[in-house]
């Protein structure tokens, strides 16, 4: 028998976790990398990759479509 009083699915992430994902997405990544990957962000926050993707989709963030110049790792002249 299933418990009909409980709603299906997992509870949503706490608002502080969502805020941390959003803040890190819009900030500079650590080290010499030029952008936050989903896996690196998930590892930094401590949630799954799919959760990071879901939070980005919900807030309509598309960091891969930024039309700005990224930092280059090449040594300059």
Protein backbone atom coordinates (compact mmCIF):
# COMPACT_ATOMS: atom_id res chain seq x y z
CA UNK A 1 0.00 0.00 0.00
CA UNK A 2 1.19 3.47 -0.79
CA UNK A 3 0.92 6.40 1.55
CA UNK A 4 -1.59 8.75 -0.11
CA UNK A 5 -0.95 11.62 2.30
CA UNK A 6 2.58 12.29 1.06
CA UNK A 7 3.21 14.26 -2.12
CA UNK A 8 5.45 12.60 -4.72
CA UNK A 9 9.00 13.69 -5.51
CA UNK A 10 11.86 15.14 -3.57
CA UNK A 11 11.53 18.38 -1.60
CA UNK A 12 13.04 21.44 -3.28
CA UNK A 13 16.51 22.66 -2.39
CA UNK A 14 16.78 25.24 0.40
CA UNK A 15 16.83 28.86 -0.71
CA UNK A 16 20.38 29.37 0.54
CA UNK A 17 21.60 26.54 -1.72
CA UNK A 18 19.79 28.06 -4.71
CA UNK A 19 21.23 31.49 -3.88
CA UNK A 20 24.74 30.02 -3.68
CA UNK A 21 24.37 28.37 -7.11
CA UNK A 22 23.12 31.62 -8.63
CA UNK A 23 25.89 33.67 -7.03
CA UNK A 24 28.63 31.28 -8.13
CA UNK A 25 27.24 31.09 -11.67
CA UNK A 26 27.56 34.85 -12.03
CA UNK A 27 31.00 35.10 -10.39
CA UNK A 28 34.54 34.34 -11.48
CA UNK A 29 35.59 30.69 -11.17
CA UNK A 30 38.57 29.69 -9.06
CA UNK A 31 41.97 29.03 -10.57
CA UNK A 32 42.85 29.45 -14.20
CA UNK A 33 39.56 28.31 -15.72
CA UNK A 34 37.50 30.83 -17.67
CA UNK A 35 33.97 29.75 -16.69
CA UNK A 36 32.06 27.55 -14.23
CA UNK A 37 31.17 24.15 -15.61
CA UNK A 38 28.07 22.46 -14.31
CA UNK A 39 30.06 19.65 -12.71
CA UNK A 40 32.49 22.03 -11.00
CA UNK A 41 29.61 24.12 -9.67
CA UNK A 42 27.79 21.02 -8.43
CA UNK A 43 30.91 19.83 -6.62
CA UNK A 44 31.53 23.26 -5.06
CA UNK A 45 27.97 23.52 -3.72
CA UNK A 46 27.57 19.83 -2.85
CA UNK A 47 24.55 18.98 -5.00
CA UNK A 48 24.08 16.96 -8.18
CA UNK A 49 24.73 18.17 -11.72
CA UNK A 50 21.06 17.77 -12.60
CA UNK A 51 20.11 19.98 -9.64
CA UNK A 52 22.44 22.71 -10.89
CA UNK A 53 20.93 22.41 -14.37
CA UNK A 54 17.42 22.56 -12.95
CA UNK A 55 18.19 25.70 -10.91
CA UNK A 56 19.75 27.38 -13.94
CA UNK A 57 16.77 26.46 -16.11
CA UNK A 58 14.29 27.69 -13.52
CA UNK A 59 16.00 31.08 -13.28
CA UNK A 60 16.63 31.22 -17.05
CA UNK A 61 20.39 31.47 -16.69
CA UNK A 62 22.35 30.52 -19.78
CA UNK A 63 26.00 31.16 -18.95
CA UNK A 64 27.12 29.48 -22.18
CA UNK A 65 25.47 32.29 -24.15
CA UNK A 66 27.33 35.19 -22.60
CA UNK A 67 28.39 37.67 -25.26
CA UNK A 68 31.45 39.05 -23.54
CA UNK A 69 35.15 38.52 -23.89
CA UNK A 70 36.45 35.73 -21.68
CA UNK A 71 39.80 35.81 -19.97
CA UNK A 72 42.53 34.21 -22.02
CA UNK A 73 45.03 31.76 -20.56
CA UNK A 74 47.59 32.57 -23.25
CA UNK A 75 50.66 34.53 -22.17
CA UNK A 76 50.41 38.04 -23.57
CA UNK A 77 53.06 39.94 -25.54
